[in-house]
PDB file of all heavy atoms in Angstrom:
ATOM      1  N   TYR A   1      -0.951   2.342 -30.149  1.00  0.00           N
ATOM      2  CA  TYR A   1      -1.193   1.652 -28.920  1.00  0.00           C
ATOM      3  C   TYR A   1      -1.196   2.586 -27.716  1.00  0.00           C
ATOM      4  O   TYR A   1      -0.443   3.543 -27.668  1.00  0.00           O
ATOM      5  CB  TYR A   1      -0.103   0.563 -28.739  1.00  0.00           C
ATOM      6  CG  TYR A   1      -0.107  -0.435 -29.857  1.00  0.00           C
ATOM      7  CD1 TYR A   1       0.889  -0.313 -30.817  1.00  0.00           C
ATOM      8  CD2 TYR A   1      -0.921  -1.540 -29.864  1.00  0.00           C
ATOM      9  CE1 TYR A   1       0.929  -1.251 -31.919  1.00  0.00           C
ATOM     10  CE2 TYR A   1      -0.825  -2.492 -30.849  1.00  0.00           C
ATOM     11  CZ  TYR A   1       0.084  -2.289 -31.922  1.00  0.00           C
ATOM     12  OH  TYR A   1       0.135  -3.221 -32.944  1.00  0.00           O
ATOM     13  N   GLY A   2      -2.165   2.245 -26.845  1.00  0.00           N
ATOM     14  CA  GLY A   2      -2.083   2.787 -25.487  1.00  0.00           C
ATOM     15  C   GLY A   2      -0.966   2.036 -24.800  1.00  0.00           C
ATOM     16  O   GLY A   2      -0.834   0.839 -25.005  1.00  0.00           O
ATOM     17  N   MET A   3      -0.163   2.743 -23.982  1.00  0.00           N
ATOM     18  CA  MET A   3       1.003   2.122 -23.373  1.00  0.00           C
ATOM     19  C   MET A   3       0.975   2.161 -21.827  1.00  0.00           C
ATOM     20  O   MET A   3       0.335   3.039 -21.277  1.00  0.00           O
ATOM     21  CB  MET A   3       2.280   2.719 -23.867  1.00  0.00           C
ATOM     22  CG  MET A   3       2.442   2.605 -25.393  1.00  0.00           C
ATOM     23  SD  MET A   3       2.566   0.896 -26.034  1.00  0.00           S
ATOM     24  CE  MET A   3       4.121   0.455 -25.262  1.00  0.00           C
ATOM     25  N   GLY A   4       1.601   1.232 -21.168  1.00  0.00           N
ATOM     26  CA  GLY A   4       1.604   1.236 -19.758  1.00  0.00           C
ATOM     27  C   GLY A   4       2.892   0.648 -19.202  1.00  0.00           C
ATOM     28  O   GLY A   4       3.661  -0.079 -19.902  1.00  0.00           O
ATOM     29  N   TRP A   5       3.137   0.982 -17.952  1.00  0.00           N
ATOM     30  CA  TRP A   5       4.262   0.399 -17.173  1.00  0.00           C
ATOM     31  C   TRP A   5       3.654  -0.328 -15.966  1.00  0.00           C
ATOM     32  O   TRP A   5       2.830   0.177 -15.283  1.00  0.00           O
ATOM     33  CB  TRP A   5       5.232   1.430 -16.776  1.00  0.00           C
ATOM     34  CG  TRP A   5       6.153   1.932 -17.840  1.00  0.00           C
ATOM     35  CD1 TRP A   5       5.928   3.087 -18.546  1.00  0.00           C
ATOM     36  CD2 TRP A   5       7.339   1.409 -18.333  1.00  0.00           C
ATOM     37  NE1 TRP A   5       6.929   3.282 -19.474  1.00  0.00           N
ATOM     38  CE2 TRP A   5       7.850   2.267 -19.299  1.00  0.00           C
ATOM     39  CE3 TRP A   5       8.148   0.283 -18.011  1.00  0.00           C
ATOM     40  CZ2 TRP A   5       9.034   2.032 -19.999  1.00  0.00           C
ATOM     41  CZ3 TRP A   5       9.249   0.053 -18.642  1.00  0.00           C
ATOM     42  CH2 TRP A   5       9.764   0.901 -19.627  1.00  0.00           C
ATOM     43  N   PHE A   6       4.122  -1.537 -15.767  1.00  0.00           N
ATOM     44  CA  PHE A   6       3.772  -2.397 -14.589  1.00  0.00           C
ATOM     45  C   PHE A   6       5.108  -2.807 -13.899  1.00  0.00           C
ATOM     46  O   PHE A   6       6.090  -2.788 -14.535  1.00  0.00           O
ATOM     47  CB  PHE A   6       2.931  -3.569 -14.991  1.00  0.00           C
ATOM     48  CG  PHE A   6       1.591  -3.088 -15.568  1.00  0.00           C
ATOM     49  CD1 PHE A   6       1.435  -2.683 -16.877  1.00  0.00           C
ATOM     50  CD2 PHE A   6       0.446  -3.135 -14.794  1.00  0.00           C
ATOM     51  CE1 PHE A   6       0.214  -2.334 -17.410  1.00  0.00           C
ATOM     52  CE2 PHE A   6      -0.788  -2.783 -15.295  1.00  0.00           C
ATOM     53  CZ  PHE A   6      -0.923  -2.357 -16.637  1.00  0.00           C
ATOM     54  N   ARG A   7       4.925  -3.250 -12.650  1.00  0.00           N
ATOM     55  CA  ARG A   7       6.048  -3.789 -12.036  1.00  0.00           C
ATOM     56  C   ARG A   7       5.653  -4.954 -11.141  1.00  0.00           C
ATOM     57  O   ARG A   7       4.512  -5.068 -10.728  1.00  0.00           O
ATOM     58  CB  ARG A   7       6.765  -2.774 -11.174  1.00  0.00           C
ATOM     59  CG  ARG A   7       5.966  -2.284  -9.987  1.00  0.00           C
ATOM     60  CD  ARG A   7       6.734  -1.085  -9.319  1.00  0.00           C
ATOM     61  NE  ARG A   7       5.996  -0.627  -8.091  1.00  0.00           N
ATOM     62  CZ  ARG A   7       6.376   0.467  -7.411  1.00  0.00           C
ATOM     63  NH1 ARG A   7       7.357   1.147  -7.811  1.00  0.00           N
ATOM     64  NH2 ARG A   7       5.598   0.841  -6.343  1.00  0.00           N
ATOM     65  N   GLN A   8       6.679  -5.830 -10.923  1.00  0.00           N
ATOM     66  CA  GLN A   8       6.426  -6.949 -10.036  1.00  0.00           C
ATOM     67  C   GLN A   8       7.610  -7.229  -9.140  1.00  0.00           C
ATOM     68  O   GLN A   8       8.693  -7.442  -9.674  1.00  0.00           O
ATOM     69  CB  GLN A   8       6.071  -8.231 -10.888  1.00  0.00           C
ATOM     70  CG  GLN A   8       5.610  -9.386 -10.032  1.00  0.00           C
ATOM     71  CD  GLN A   8       4.885 -10.456 -10.864  1.00  0.00           C
ATOM     72  OE1 GLN A   8       5.082 -10.494 -12.022  1.00  0.00           O
ATOM     73  NE2 GLN A   8       4.037 -11.294 -10.131  1.00  0.00           N
ATOM     74  N   ALA A   9       7.413  -7.191  -7.876  1.00  0.00           N
ATOM     75  CA  ALA A   9       8.481  -7.505  -6.894  1.00  0.00           C
ATOM     76  C   ALA A   9       8.390  -8.958  -6.498  1.00  0.00           C
ATOM     77  O   ALA A   9       7.264  -9.549  -6.646  1.00  0.00           O
ATOM     78  CB  ALA A   9       8.360  -6.569  -5.697  1.00  0.00           C
ATOM     79  N   PRO A  10       9.466  -9.533  -6.051  1.00  0.00           N
ATOM     80  CA  PRO A  10       9.399 -10.983  -5.621  1.00  0.00           C
ATOM     81  C   PRO A  10       8.307 -11.262  -4.571  1.00  0.00           C
ATOM     82  O   PRO A  10       8.191 -10.558  -3.599  1.00  0.00           O
ATOM     83  CB  PRO A  10      10.774 -11.223  -5.037  1.00  0.00           C
ATOM     84  CG  PRO A  10      11.648 -10.134  -5.680  1.00  0.00           C
ATOM     85  CD  PRO A  10      10.773  -8.970  -5.919  1.00  0.00           C
ATOM     86  N   GLY A  11       7.517 -12.238  -4.869  1.00  0.00           N
ATOM     87  CA  GLY A  11       6.501 -12.632  -3.927  1.00  0.00           C
ATOM     88  C   GLY A  11       5.266 -11.759  -3.936  1.00  0.00           C
ATOM     89  O   GLY A  11       4.348 -11.961  -3.078  1.00  0.00           O
ATOM     90  N   LYS A  12       5.226 -10.736  -4.884  1.00  0.00           N
ATOM     91  CA  LYS A  12       4.103  -9.828  -4.944  1.00  0.00           C
ATOM     92  C   LYS A  12       3.382  -9.988  -6.324  1.00  0.00           C
ATOM     93  O   LYS A  12       3.968 -10.469  -7.295  1.00  0.00           O
ATOM     94  CB  LYS A  12       4.510  -8.413  -4.659  1.00  0.00           C
ATOM     95  CG  LYS A  12       5.054  -8.235  -3.275  1.00  0.00           C
ATOM     96  CD  LYS A  12       5.284  -6.732  -2.992  1.00  0.00           C
ATOM     97  CE  LYS A  12       5.701  -6.505  -1.510  1.00  0.00           C
ATOM     98  NZ  LYS A  12       5.875  -5.114  -1.256  1.00  0.00           N
ATOM     99  N   GLU A  13       2.164  -9.533  -6.368  1.00  0.00           N
ATOM    100  CA  GLU A  13       1.454  -9.436  -7.598  1.00  0.00           C
ATOM    101  C   GLU A  13       1.907  -8.268  -8.456  1.00  0.00           C
ATOM    102  O   GLU A  13       2.494  -7.357  -7.980  1.00  0.00           O
ATOM    103  CB  GLU A  13      -0.099  -9.354  -7.351  1.00  0.00           C
ATOM    104  CG  GLU A  13      -0.703 -10.561  -6.647  1.00  0.00           C
ATOM    105  CD  GLU A  13      -2.199 -10.384  -6.557  1.00  0.00           C
ATOM    106  OE1 GLU A  13      -2.735  -9.276  -6.915  1.00  0.00           O
ATOM    107  OE2 GLU A  13      -2.857 -11.373  -6.138  1.00  0.00           O
ATOM    108  N   ARG A  14       1.695  -8.404  -9.748  1.00  0.00           N
ATOM    109  CA  ARG A  14       1.996  -7.321 -10.674  1.00  0.00           C
ATOM    110  C   ARG A  14       1.180  -6.073 -10.333  1.00  0.00           C
ATOM    111  O   ARG A  14      -0.023  -6.142 -10.046  1.00  0.00           O
ATOM    112  CB  ARG A  14       1.700  -7.821 -12.157  1.00  0.00           C
ATOM    113  CG  ARG A  14       2.231  -6.822 -13.163  1.00  0.00           C
ATOM    114  CD  ARG A  14       2.074  -7.461 -14.536  1.00  0.00           C
ATOM    115  NE  ARG A  14       3.080  -8.465 -14.700  1.00  0.00           N
ATOM    116  CZ  ARG A  14       3.250  -9.219 -15.807  1.00  0.00           C
ATOM    117  NH1 ARG A  14       2.432  -8.916 -16.910  1.00  0.00           N
ATOM    118  NH2 ARG A  14       4.153 -10.163 -15.897  1.00  0.00           N
ATOM    119  N   GLU A  15       1.850  -4.968 -10.400  1.00  0.00           N
ATOM    120  CA  GLU A  15       1.286  -3.716  -9.890  1.00  0.00           C
ATOM    121  C   GLU A  15       1.266  -2.672 -11.072  1.00  0.00           C
ATOM    122  O   GLU A  15       2.288  -2.529 -11.717  1.00  0.00           O
ATOM    123  CB  GLU A  15       2.086  -3.176  -8.676  1.00  0.00           C
ATOM    124  CG  GLU A  15       1.673  -1.912  -8.174  1.00  0.00           C
ATOM    125  CD  GLU A  15       2.551  -1.257  -7.115  1.00  0.00           C
ATOM    126  OE1 GLU A  15       3.677  -1.817  -6.936  1.00  0.00           O
ATOM    127  OE2 GLU A  15       2.185  -0.257  -6.456  1.00  0.00           O
ATOM    128  N   PHE A  16       0.221  -1.959 -11.136  1.00  0.00           N
ATOM    129  CA  PHE A  16       0.133  -0.874 -12.139  1.00  0.00           C
ATOM    130  C   PHE A  16       1.007   0.298 -11.681  1.00  0.00           C
ATOM    131  O   PHE A  16       0.929   0.703 -10.506  1.00  0.00           O
ATOM    132  CB  PHE A  16      -1.306  -0.443 -12.278  1.00  0.00           C
ATOM    133  CG  PHE A  16      -1.420   0.866 -13.019  1.00  0.00           C
ATOM    134  CD1 PHE A  16      -1.261   0.878 -14.375  1.00  0.00           C
ATOM    135  CD2 PHE A  16      -1.801   2.099 -12.320  1.00  0.00           C
ATOM    136  CE1 PHE A  16      -1.411   2.102 -15.112  1.00  0.00           C
ATOM    137  CE2 PHE A  16      -1.946   3.246 -13.046  1.00  0.00           C
ATOM    138  CZ  PHE A  16      -1.753   3.289 -14.452  1.00  0.00           C
ATOM    139  N   VAL A  17       1.805   0.814 -12.580  1.00  0.00           N
ATOM    140  CA  VAL A  17       2.736   1.928 -12.313  1.00  0.00           C
ATOM    141  C   VAL A  17       2.228   3.205 -12.995  1.00  0.00           C
ATOM    142  O   VAL A  17       1.992   4.210 -12.327  1.00  0.00           O
ATOM    143  CB  VAL A  17       4.145   1.625 -12.709  1.00  0.00           C
ATOM    144  CG1 VAL A  17       5.045   2.883 -12.521  1.00  0.00           C
ATOM    145  CG2 VAL A  17       4.695   0.434 -11.944  1.00  0.00           C
ATOM    146  N   ALA A  18       2.022   3.090 -14.357  1.00  0.00           N
ATOM    147  CA  ALA A  18       1.663   4.342 -15.108  1.00  0.00           C
ATOM    148  C   ALA A  18       1.164   3.931 -16.408  1.00  0.00           C
ATOM    149  O   ALA A  18       1.481   2.826 -16.989  1.00  0.00           O
ATOM    150  CB  ALA A  18       2.887   5.286 -15.259  1.00  0.00           C
ATOM    151  N   ALA A  19       0.326   4.710 -17.082  1.00  0.00           N
ATOM    152  CA  ALA A  19      -0.193   4.497 -18.419  1.00  0.00           C
ATOM    153  C   ALA A  19      -0.347   5.827 -19.146  1.00  0.00           C
ATOM    154  O   ALA A  19      -0.468   6.896 -18.531  1.00  0.00           O
ATOM    155  CB  ALA A  19      -1.503   3.759 -18.319  1.00  0.00           C
ATOM    156  N   ILE A  20      -0.356   5.710 -20.434  1.00  0.00           N
ATOM    157  CA  ILE A  20      -0.426   6.869 -21.279  1.00  0.00           C
ATOM    158  C   ILE A  20      -1.284   6.527 -22.538  1.00  0.00           C
ATOM    159  O   ILE A  20      -1.258   5.431 -23.028  1.00  0.00           O
ATOM    160  CB  ILE A  20       0.939   7.332 -21.686  1.00  0.00           C
ATOM    161  CG1 ILE A  20       0.969   8.733 -22.353  1.00  0.00           C
ATOM    162  CG2 ILE A  20       1.680   6.335 -22.608  1.00  0.00           C
ATOM    163  CD1 ILE A  20       2.243   9.367 -22.475  1.00  0.00           C
ATOM    164  N   SER A  21      -2.057   7.501 -22.960  1.00  0.00           N
ATOM    165  CA  SER A  21      -2.968   7.304 -24.126  1.00  0.00           C
ATOM    166  C   SER A  21      -2.090   7.332 -25.407  1.00  0.00           C
ATOM    167  O   SER A  21      -0.885   7.608 -25.391  1.00  0.00           O
ATOM    168  CB  SER A  21      -3.976   8.392 -24.158  1.00  0.00           C
ATOM    169  OG  SER A  21      -3.376   9.708 -24.371  1.00  0.00           O
ATOM    170  N   ARG A  22      -2.750   7.003 -26.496  1.00  0.00           N
ATOM    171  CA  ARG A  22      -2.128   6.917 -27.804  1.00  0.00           C
ATOM    172  C   ARG A  22      -1.412   8.273 -28.133  1.00  0.00           C
ATOM    173  O   ARG A  22      -0.290   8.334 -28.616  1.00  0.00           O
ATOM    174  CB  ARG A  22      -3.089   6.544 -28.894  1.00  0.00           C
ATOM    175  CG  ARG A  22      -3.432   5.104 -28.941  1.00  0.00           C
ATOM    176  CD  ARG A  22      -4.346   4.851 -30.068  1.00  0.00           C
ATOM    177  NE  ARG A  22      -3.864   5.185 -31.398  1.00  0.00           N
ATOM    178  CZ  ARG A  22      -4.560   5.010 -32.457  1.00  0.00           C
ATOM    179  NH1 ARG A  22      -5.715   4.448 -32.453  1.00  0.00           N
ATOM    180  NH2 ARG A  22      -4.050   5.467 -33.636  1.00  0.00           N
ATOM    181  N   SER A  23      -2.126   9.372 -27.886  1.00  0.00           N
ATOM    182  CA  SER A  23      -1.571  10.695 -28.258  1.00  0.00           C
ATOM    183  C   SER A  23      -0.597  11.189 -27.278  1.00  0.00           C
ATOM    184  O   SER A  23       0.184  12.197 -27.480  1.00  0.00           O
ATOM    185  CB  SER A  23      -2.728  11.672 -28.421  1.00  0.00           C
ATOM    186  OG  SER A  23      -3.335  11.870 -27.190  1.00  0.00           O
ATOM    187  N   GLY A  24      -0.685  10.678 -26.042  1.00  0.00           N
ATOM    188  CA  GLY A  24       0.170  11.198 -24.870  1.00  0.00           C
ATOM    189  C   GLY A  24      -0.573  12.283 -24.118  1.00  0.00           C
ATOM    190  O   GLY A  24      -0.138  12.728 -23.143  1.00  0.00           O
ATOM    191  N   GLY A  25      -1.846  12.548 -24.593  1.00  0.00           N
ATOM    192  CA  GLY A  25      -2.609  13.596 -23.855  1.00  0.00           C
ATOM    193  C   GLY A  25      -3.213  13.180 -22.515  1.00  0.00           C
ATOM    194  O   GLY A  25      -3.620  14.009 -21.751  1.00  0.00           O
ATOM    195  N   GLY A  26      -3.334  11.861 -22.349  1.00  0.00           N
ATOM    196  CA  GLY A  26      -3.906  11.367 -21.083  1.00  0.00           C
ATOM    197  C   GLY A  26      -2.924  10.444 -20.419  1.00  0.00           C
ATOM    198  O   GLY A  26      -2.317   9.552 -21.077  1.00  0.00           O
ATOM    199  N   THR A  27      -2.694  10.654 -19.109  1.00  0.00           N
ATOM    200  CA  THR A  27      -1.795   9.804 -18.328  1.00  0.00           C
ATOM    201  C   THR A  27      -2.423   9.511 -17.014  1.00  0.00           C
ATOM    202  O   THR A  27      -3.303  10.217 -16.517  1.00  0.00           O
ATOM    203  CB  THR A  27      -0.417  10.498 -18.060  1.00  0.00           C
ATOM    204  OG1 THR A  27      -0.664  11.750 -17.385  1.00  0.00           O
ATOM    205  CG2 THR A  27       0.315  10.793 -19.425  1.00  0.00           C
TER     206      THR A  27
END
């Protein structure tokens, strides 16, 4: 799987934080 981190603060929309490719070579 490609993986990612997202975050959501109260009253705000979900926000993209970071992502990484399957191998880890792309971020």
